[in-house]
Amino acid sequence: MIKGDIVKEYLSRFPNTPSLTLARLIYQENTNIFLTVESARSTVRYYRGQCGEKDRACVKKQISTEPWGGLPEGLTSYDDWEPVKILGDNILVLADVHAPYHDRESLEAVLNHGDQKNIDCILFLGDFSDFYSVSAWSQDPDRVDLRGEIDQAKLILSVIVDYFKDIPIYLLAGNHEDRLNRYVQRKCPELWGMEGLTYESVMNLKAFGVEYVADKK
């Protein structure tokens, strides 16, 4: 059953429930389909026609621009997203480090390249951390070590920050960073929202001077 079918079923059962409340219920009962509450909420808003003209055009399933006129609009609404200004002209962009399961040789090569090019900014495009220990997927018990994963990721970040002292560093949230949030939501929802349990907090990003770019930015 796809996301749309799930949402339409809930809408038929709870036609008057507010979108966010309904999205939370859908997420709680379908975590294998919806990665976040926001994902469920976007789909609910789409089928209720609450996403504006751009997203309502999805229902028509066609747009007029050629040659890609057959592409449907996406379900994500960006109306309440905030822009983030990246301060830099010569930016080193890294993605999918997956600490502590990174490849050291590859990471060194990228950082050396950035150093040689006199970069003035570093941008991590998500999945800097892996968070294997709190993954929803089946795990090898011998590899589960959340504290060790966090410590290794912080060590890697500290080496990078110490060397590139005078330039801004941005770390975008990826789906692996969000594993911590999803774990808390699944296992101990009573603790949801506590500052000390966020990715930014456990990684001490503010102390490192790293700007964390979270959801909706």
C-alpha atoms as a PDB file:
ATOM      1  CA  MET A   1       0.000   0.000   0.000  1.00  0.00           C
ATOM      2  CA  ILE A   2       1.506   3.361  -1.022  1.00  0.00           C
ATOM      3  CA  LYS A   3       1.476   6.571   0.997  1.00  0.00           C
ATOM      4  CA  GLY A   4      -1.492   8.024  -0.855  1.00  0.00           C
ATOM      5  CA  ASP A   5      -3.657   4.965  -0.237  1.00  0.00           C
ATOM      6  CA  ILE A   6      -2.816   5.028   3.465  1.00  0.00           C
ATOM      7  CA  VAL A   7      -3.617   8.722   3.822  1.00  0.00           C
ATOM      8  CA  LYS A   8      -6.887   8.450   1.901  1.00  0.00           C
ATOM      9  CA  GLU A   9      -7.995   5.644   4.188  1.00  0.00           C
ATOM     10  CA  TYR A  10      -7.306   7.755   7.284  1.00  0.00           C
ATOM     11  CA  LEU A  11      -9.030  10.762   5.751  1.00  0.00           C
ATOM     12  CA  SER A  12     -12.161   8.705   5.183  1.00  0.00           C
ATOM     13  CA  ARG A  13     -12.094   7.561   8.823  1.00  0.00           C
ATOM     14  CA  PHE A  14     -11.157  10.906  10.374  1.00  0.00           C
ATOM     15  CA  PRO A  15     -12.429  13.593   7.968  1.00  0.00           C
ATOM     16  CA  ASN A  16     -12.547  16.359  10.588  1.00  0.00           C
ATOM     17  CA  THR A  17      -9.271  15.683  12.405  1.00  0.00           C
ATOM     18  CA  PRO A  18      -6.683  18.497  12.072  1.00  0.00           C
ATOM     19  CA  SER A  19      -3.955  17.704   9.574  1.00  0.00           C
ATOM     20  CA  LEU A  20      -1.059  17.706  12.052  1.00  0.00           C
ATOM     21  CA  THR A  21      -2.934  15.528  14.560  1.00  0.00           C
ATOM     22  CA  LEU A  22      -3.860  13.101  11.812  1.00  0.00           C
ATOM     23  CA  ALA A  23      -0.289  13.083  10.498  1.00  0.00           C
ATOM     24  CA  ARG A  24       1.033  12.136  13.933  1.00  0.00           C
ATOM     25  CA  LEU A  25      -1.407   9.243  14.126  1.00  0.00           C
ATOM     26  CA  ILE A  26      -0.527   8.078  10.607  1.00  0.00           C
ATOM     27  CA  TYR A  27       3.194   8.264  11.379  1.00  0.00           C
ATOM     28  CA  GLN A  28       2.864   6.362  14.671  1.00  0.00           C
ATOM     29  CA  GLU A  29       0.983   3.540  12.996  1.00  0.00           C
ATOM     30  CA  ASN A  30       3.018   3.463   9.750  1.00  0.00           C
ATOM     31  CA  THR A  31       6.655   4.182  10.641  1.00  0.00           C
ATOM     32  CA  ASN A  32       7.759   1.704   7.997  1.00  0.00           C
ATOM     33  CA  ILE A  33       6.189   3.914   5.311  1.00  0.00           C
ATOM     34  CA  PHE A  34       6.568   7.493   6.588  1.00  0.00           C
ATOM     35  CA  LEU A  35      10.033   8.540   7.769  1.00  0.00           C
ATOM     36  CA  THR A  36       8.806  11.616   9.671  1.00  0.00           C
ATOM     37  CA  VAL A  37       5.604  13.247  10.894  1.00  0.00           C
ATOM     38  CA  GLU A  38       6.233  16.024   8.376  1.00  0.00           C
ATOM     39  CA  SER A  39       6.249  13.507   5.543  1.00  0.00           C
ATOM     40  CA  ALA A  40       2.834  12.253   6.626  1.00  0.00           C
ATOM     41  CA  ARG A  41       1.573  15.809   7.122  1.00  0.00           C
ATOM     42  CA  SER A  42       2.635  16.862   3.631  1.00  0.00           C
ATOM     43  CA  THR A  43       0.724  13.939   2.122  1.00  0.00           C
ATOM     44  CA  VAL A  44      -2.366  14.718   4.209  1.00  0.00           C
ATOM     45  CA  ARG A  45      -2.279  18.376   3.145  1.00  0.00           C
ATOM     46  CA  TYR A  46      -1.875  17.361  -0.467  1.00  0.00           C
ATOM     47  CA  TYR A  47      -4.978  15.160  -0.481  1.00  0.00           C
ATOM     48  CA  ARG A  48      -6.928  17.852   1.342  1.00  0.00           C
ATOM     49  CA  GLY A  49      -5.905  20.418  -1.270  1.00  0.00           C
ATOM     50  CA  GLN A  50      -4.198  22.585   1.347  1.00  0.00           C
ATOM     51  CA  CYS A  51      -0.842  23.053  -0.358  1.00  0.00           C
ATOM     52  CA  GLY A  52      -1.628  25.902  -2.730  1.00  0.00           C
ATOM     53  CA  GLU A  53      -1.934  26.038  -6.497  1.00  0.00           C
ATOM     54  CA  LYS A  54       1.436  24.451  -7.111  1.00  0.00           C
ATOM     55  CA  ASP A  55       0.681  21.269  -5.196  1.00  0.00           C
ATOM     56  CA  ARG A  56      -2.983  21.134  -6.248  1.00  0.00           C
ATOM     57  CA  ALA A  57      -1.642  20.810  -9.766  1.00  0.00           C
ATOM     58  CA  CYS A  58      -0.376  17.365  -8.709  1.00  0.00           C
ATOM     59  CA  VAL A  59      -3.900  16.067  -8.863  1.00  0.00           C
ATOM     60  CA  LYS A  60      -3.988  16.812 -12.563  1.00  0.00           C
ATOM     61  CA  LYS A  61      -0.797  14.751 -12.875  1.00  0.00           C
ATOM     62  CA  GLN A  62       0.414  16.837 -15.787  1.00  0.00           C
ATOM     63  CA  ILE A  63       2.273  20.122 -16.153  1.00  0.00           C
ATOM     64  CA  SER A  64       2.531  22.021 -19.387  1.00  0.00           C
ATOM     65  CA  THR A  65       6.285  22.688 -19.537  1.00  0.00           C
ATOM     66  CA  GLU A  66       7.985  20.696 -22.292  1.00  0.00           C
ATOM     67  CA  PRO A  67       9.781  18.347 -22.666  1.00  0.00           C
ATOM     68  CA  TRP A  68       8.998  17.238 -19.118  1.00  0.00           C
ATOM     69  CA  GLY A  69       5.257  17.858 -19.231  1.00  0.00           C
ATOM     70  CA  GLY A  70       4.467  14.378 -17.950  1.00  0.00           C
ATOM     71  CA  LEU A  71       6.284  14.849 -14.637  1.00  0.00           C
ATOM     72  CA  PRO A  72       3.927  15.211 -11.654  1.00  0.00           C
ATOM     73  CA  GLU A  73       4.527  17.773  -8.929  1.00  0.00           C
ATOM     74  CA  GLY A  74       6.016  16.502  -5.678  1.00  0.00           C
ATOM     75  CA  LEU A  75       4.027  16.176  -2.476  1.00  0.00           C
ATOM     76  CA  THR A  76       6.351  18.296  -0.340  1.00  0.00           C
ATOM     77  CA  SER A  77       5.193  21.825   0.450  1.00  0.00           C
ATOM     78  CA  TYR A  78       7.937  24.414   0.916  1.00  0.00           C
ATOM     79  CA  ASP A  79       5.647  27.243   1.992  1.00  0.00           C
ATOM     80  CA  ASP A  80       6.915  27.293   5.589  1.00  0.00           C
ATOM     81  CA  TRP A  81      10.578  26.540   4.902  1.00  0.00           C
ATOM     82  CA  GLU A  82      13.226  29.078   5.886  1.00  0.00           C
ATOM     83  CA  PRO A  83      16.197  30.035   3.676  1.00  0.00           C
ATOM     84  CA  VAL A  84      19.721  29.536   4.974  1.00  0.00           C
ATOM     85  CA  LYS A  85      22.511  31.810   3.809  1.00  0.00           C
ATOM     86  CA  ILE A  86      25.754  29.923   3.190  1.00  0.00           C
ATOM     87  CA  LEU A  87      28.667  32.279   3.768  1.00  0.00           C
ATOM     88  CA  GLY A  88      31.334  31.301   1.288  1.00  0.00           C
ATOM     89  CA  ASP A  89      32.439  31.615  -2.321  1.00  0.00           C
ATOM     90  CA  ASN A  90      34.850  28.687  -2.548  1.00  0.00           C
ATOM     91  CA  ILE A  91      32.945  25.906  -0.805  1.00  0.00           C
ATOM     92  CA  LEU A  92      34.062  22.353  -0.106  1.00  0.00           C
ATOM     93  CA  VAL A  93      30.966  20.134  -0.288  1.00  0.00           C
ATOM     94  CA  LEU A  94      30.979  16.688   1.324  1.00  0.00           C
ATOM     95  CA  ALA A  95      28.158  14.169   1.521  1.00  0.00           C
ATOM     96  CA  ASP A  96      27.595  10.796   3.170  1.00  0.00           C
ATOM     97  CA  VAL A  97      30.600  10.601   5.476  1.00  0.00           C
ATOM     98  CA  HIS A  98      28.676   8.074   7.617  1.00  0.00           C
ATOM     99  CA  ALA A  99      31.007   8.315  10.617  1.00  0.00           C
ATOM    100  CA  PRO A 100      32.270   6.072  12.122  1.00  0.00           C
ATOM    101  CA  TYR A 101      31.896   3.865   9.026  1.00  0.00           C
ATOM    102  CA  HIS A 102      33.753   6.396   6.884  1.00  0.00           C
ATOM    103  CA  ASP A 103      36.630   5.679   4.551  1.00  0.00           C
ATOM    104  CA  ARG A 104      39.604   7.509   6.049  1.00  0.00           C
ATOM    105  CA  GLU A 105      41.628   7.597   2.834  1.00  0.00           C
ATOM    106  CA  SER A 106      38.758   9.126   0.875  1.00  0.00           C
ATOM    107  CA  LEU A 107      38.016  11.679   3.595  1.00  0.00           C
ATOM    108  CA  GLU A 108      41.674  12.716   3.773  1.00  0.00           C
ATOM    109  CA  ALA A 109      41.805  13.093  -0.015  1.00  0.00           C
ATOM    110  CA  VAL A 110      38.762  15.382  -0.027  1.00  0.00           C
ATOM    111  CA  LEU A 111      40.069  17.512   2.845  1.00  0.00           C
ATOM    112  CA  ASN A 112      43.511  17.799   1.233  1.00  0.00           C
ATOM    113  CA  HIS A 113      41.850  18.900  -1.995  1.00  0.00           C
ATOM    114  CA  GLY A 114      39.906  21.547  -0.119  1.00  0.00           C
ATOM    115  CA  ASP A 115      43.030  22.784   1.626  1.00  0.00           C
ATOM    116  CA  GLN A 116      44.905  23.066  -1.666  1.00  0.00           C
ATOM    117  CA  LYS A 117      42.028  25.040  -3.193  1.00  0.00           C
ATOM    118  CA  ASN A 118      41.967  27.528  -0.293  1.00  0.00           C
ATOM    119  CA  ILE A 119      38.326  26.890   0.541  1.00  0.00           C
ATOM    120  CA  ASP A 120      36.456  29.470   2.608  1.00  0.00           C
ATOM    121  CA  CYS A 121      33.536  27.265   3.710  1.00  0.00           C
ATOM    122  CA  ILE A 122      32.673  23.607   4.330  1.00  0.00           C
ATOM    123  CA  LEU A 123      29.207  22.214   3.678  1.00  0.00           C
ATOM    124  CA  PHE A 124      28.257  18.700   4.798  1.00  0.00           C
ATOM    125  CA  LEU A 125      25.212  17.615   2.778  1.00  0.00           C
ATOM    126  CA  GLY A 126      23.725  15.187   5.280  1.00  0.00           C
ATOM    127  CA  ASP A 127      24.565  11.751   6.687  1.00  0.00           C
ATOM    128  CA  PHE A 128      27.750  12.926   8.384  1.00  0.00           C
ATOM    129  CA  SER A 129      26.859  10.423  11.106  1.00  0.00           C
ATOM    130  CA  ASP A 130      25.576   6.932  10.475  1.00  0.00           C
ATOM    131  CA  PHE A 131      23.740   6.106  13.737  1.00  0.00           C
ATOM    132  CA  TYR A 132      23.706   2.391  12.965  1.00  0.00           C
ATOM    133  CA  SER A 133      22.965   1.666  16.626  1.00  0.00           C
ATOM    134  CA  VAL A 134      19.555   3.363  16.494  1.00  0.00           C
ATOM    135  CA  SER A 135      18.566   2.245  13.006  1.00  0.00           C
ATOM    136  CA  ALA A 136      15.092   0.776  12.538  1.00  0.00           C
ATOM    137  CA  TRP A 137      16.646  -1.994  10.451  1.00  0.00           C
ATOM    138  CA  SER A 138      17.974  -5.272  11.855  1.00  0.00           C
ATOM    139  CA  GLN A 139      21.315  -4.836  13.583  1.00  0.00           C
ATOM    140  CA  ASP A 140      24.346  -6.936  14.410  1.00  0.00           C
ATOM    141  CA  PRO A 141      24.454  -6.845  18.262  1.00  0.00           C
ATOM    142  CA  ASP A 142      28.260  -6.835  18.151  1.00  0.00           C
ATOM    143  CA  ARG A 143      28.221  -3.525  16.262  1.00  0.00           C
ATOM    144  CA  VAL A 144      25.727  -1.668  18.432  1.00  0.00           C
ATOM    145  CA  ASP A 145      27.675   1.028  20.296  1.00  0.00           C
ATOM    146  CA  LEU A 146      25.876   4.367  20.232  1.00  0.00           C
ATOM    147  CA  ARG A 147      28.294   6.107  22.566  1.00  0.00           C
ATOM    148  CA  GLY A 148      31.238   4.931  20.469  1.00  0.00           C
ATOM    149  CA  GLU A 149      29.572   6.103  17.244  1.00  0.00           C
ATOM    150  CA  ILE A 150      28.967   9.568  18.672  1.00  0.00           C
ATOM    151  CA  ASP A 151      32.503   9.850  20.080  1.00  0.00           C
ATOM    152  CA  GLN A 152      34.092   8.879  16.758  1.00  0.00           C
ATOM    153  CA  ALA A 153      31.919  11.300  14.801  1.00  0.00           C
ATOM    154  CA  LYS A 154      32.822  14.099  17.233  1.00  0.00           C
ATOM    155  CA  LEU A 155      36.515  13.239  16.925  1.00  0.00           C
ATOM    156  CA  ILE A 156      36.361  13.473  13.126  1.00  0.00           C
ATOM    157  CA  LEU A 157      34.533  16.777  13.343  1.00  0.00           C
ATOM    158  CA  SER A 158      37.013  18.162  15.879  1.00  0.00           C
ATOM    159  CA  VAL A 159      39.974  17.367  13.594  1.00  0.00           C
ATOM    160  CA  ILE A 160      38.290  19.173  10.699  1.00  0.00           C
ATOM    161  CA  VAL A 161      37.227  22.165  12.794  1.00  0.00           C
ATOM    162  CA  ASP A 162      40.674  22.508  14.395  1.00  0.00           C
ATOM    163  CA  TYR A 163      42.384  22.610  11.001  1.00  0.00           C
ATOM    164  CA  PHE A 164      39.915  24.854   9.209  1.00  0.00           C
ATOM    165  CA  LYS A 165      39.624  27.255  12.150  1.00  0.00           C
ATOM    166  CA  ASP A 166      38.622  30.451  10.437  1.00  0.00           C
ATOM    167  CA  ILE A 167      35.946  29.340   7.994  1.00  0.00           C
ATOM    168  CA  PRO A 168      32.231  28.636   8.513  1.00  0.00           C
ATOM    169  CA  ILE A 169      31.124  25.009   8.584  1.00  0.00           C
ATOM    170  CA  TYR A 170      27.553  23.899   7.934  1.00  0.00           C
ATOM    171  CA  LEU A 171      26.090  20.466   8.574  1.00  0.00           C
ATOM    172  CA  LEU A 172      22.770  19.656   6.912  1.00  0.00           C
ATOM    173  CA  ALA A 173      20.489  17.104   8.531  1.00  0.00           C
ATOM    174  CA  GLY A 174      20.175  13.896   6.558  1.00  0.00           C
ATOM    175  CA  ASN A 175      18.007  10.852   7.099  1.00  0.00           C
ATOM    176  CA  HIS A 176      20.776   9.233   9.169  1.00  0.00           C
ATOM    177  CA  GLU A 177      20.978  12.217  11.524  1.00  0.00           C
ATOM    178  CA  ASP A 178      17.207  11.870  11.862  1.00  0.00           C
ATOM    179  CA  ARG A 179      17.614   8.268  13.017  1.00  0.00           C
ATOM    180  CA  LEU A 180      18.129   9.568  16.555  1.00  0.00           C
ATOM    181  CA  ASN A 181      14.845  11.508  16.436  1.00  0.00           C
ATOM    182  CA  ARG A 182      12.965   8.533  15.031  1.00  0.00           C
ATOM    183  CA  TYR A 183      14.437   6.237  17.681  1.00  0.00           C
ATOM    184  CA  VAL A 184      13.210   8.516  20.478  1.00  0.00           C
ATOM    185  CA  GLN A 185       9.791   8.758  18.818  1.00  0.00           C
ATOM    186  CA  ARG A 186       9.524   4.972  18.559  1.00  0.00           C
ATOM    187  CA  LYS A 187      11.072   3.848  21.843  1.00  0.00           C
ATOM    188  CA  CYS A 188      10.483   6.680  24.316  1.00  0.00           C
ATOM    189  CA  PRO A 189       8.065   9.282  22.948  1.00  0.00           C
ATOM    190  CA  GLU A 190       7.757  10.768  26.444  1.00  0.00           C
ATOM    191  CA  LEU A 191      11.257  12.209  25.982  1.00  0.00           C
ATOM    192  CA  TRP A 192      10.490  13.714  22.562  1.00  0.00           C
ATOM    193  CA  GLY A 193      11.523  17.345  22.361  1.00  0.00           C
ATOM    194  CA  MET A 194      14.100  17.291  25.156  1.00  0.00           C
ATOM    195  CA  GLU A 195      17.034  19.420  24.086  1.00  0.00           C
ATOM    196  CA  GLY A 196      19.728  17.029  25.259  1.00  0.00           C
ATOM    197  CA  LEU A 197      18.455  14.292  22.959  1.00  0.00           C
ATOM    198  CA  THR A 198      18.753  16.197  19.706  1.00  0.00           C
ATOM    199  CA  TYR A 199      21.514  15.557  17.185  1.00  0.00           C
ATOM    200  CA  GLU A 200      22.819  19.089  17.615  1.00  0.00           C
ATOM    201  CA  SER A 201      23.154  18.547  21.362  1.00  0.00           C
ATOM    202  CA  VAL A 202      24.732  15.082  21.434  1.00  0.00           C
ATOM    203  CA  MET A 203      27.289  16.219  18.853  1.00  0.00           C
ATOM    204  CA  ASN A 204      28.042  19.521  20.660  1.00  0.00           C
ATOM    205  CA  LEU A 205      27.776  21.339  17.338  1.00  0.00           C
ATOM    206  CA  LYS A 206      27.437  24.780  18.926  1.00  0.00           C
ATOM    207  CA  ALA A 207      30.641  24.241  20.900  1.00  0.00           C
ATOM    208  CA  PHE A 208      32.380  23.252  17.662  1.00  0.00           C
ATOM    209  CA  GLY A 209      31.049  26.385  15.972  1.00  0.00           C
ATOM    210  CA  VAL A 210      29.256  24.276  13.368  1.00  0.00           C
ATOM    211  CA  GLU A 211      25.873  25.511  12.144  1.00  0.00           C
ATOM    212  CA  TYR A 212      23.308  22.742  12.010  1.00  0.00           C
ATOM    213  CA  VAL A 213      20.769  23.084   9.219  1.00  0.00           C
ATOM    214  CA  ALA A 214      17.792  21.029  10.284  1.00  0.00           C
ATOM    215  CA  ASP A 215      14.454  20.191   8.681  1.00  0.00           C
ATOM    216  CA  LYS A 216      12.558  22.846   6.713  1.00  0.00           C
ATOM    217  CA  LYS A 217      15.661  24.839   5.792  1.00  0.00           C
END
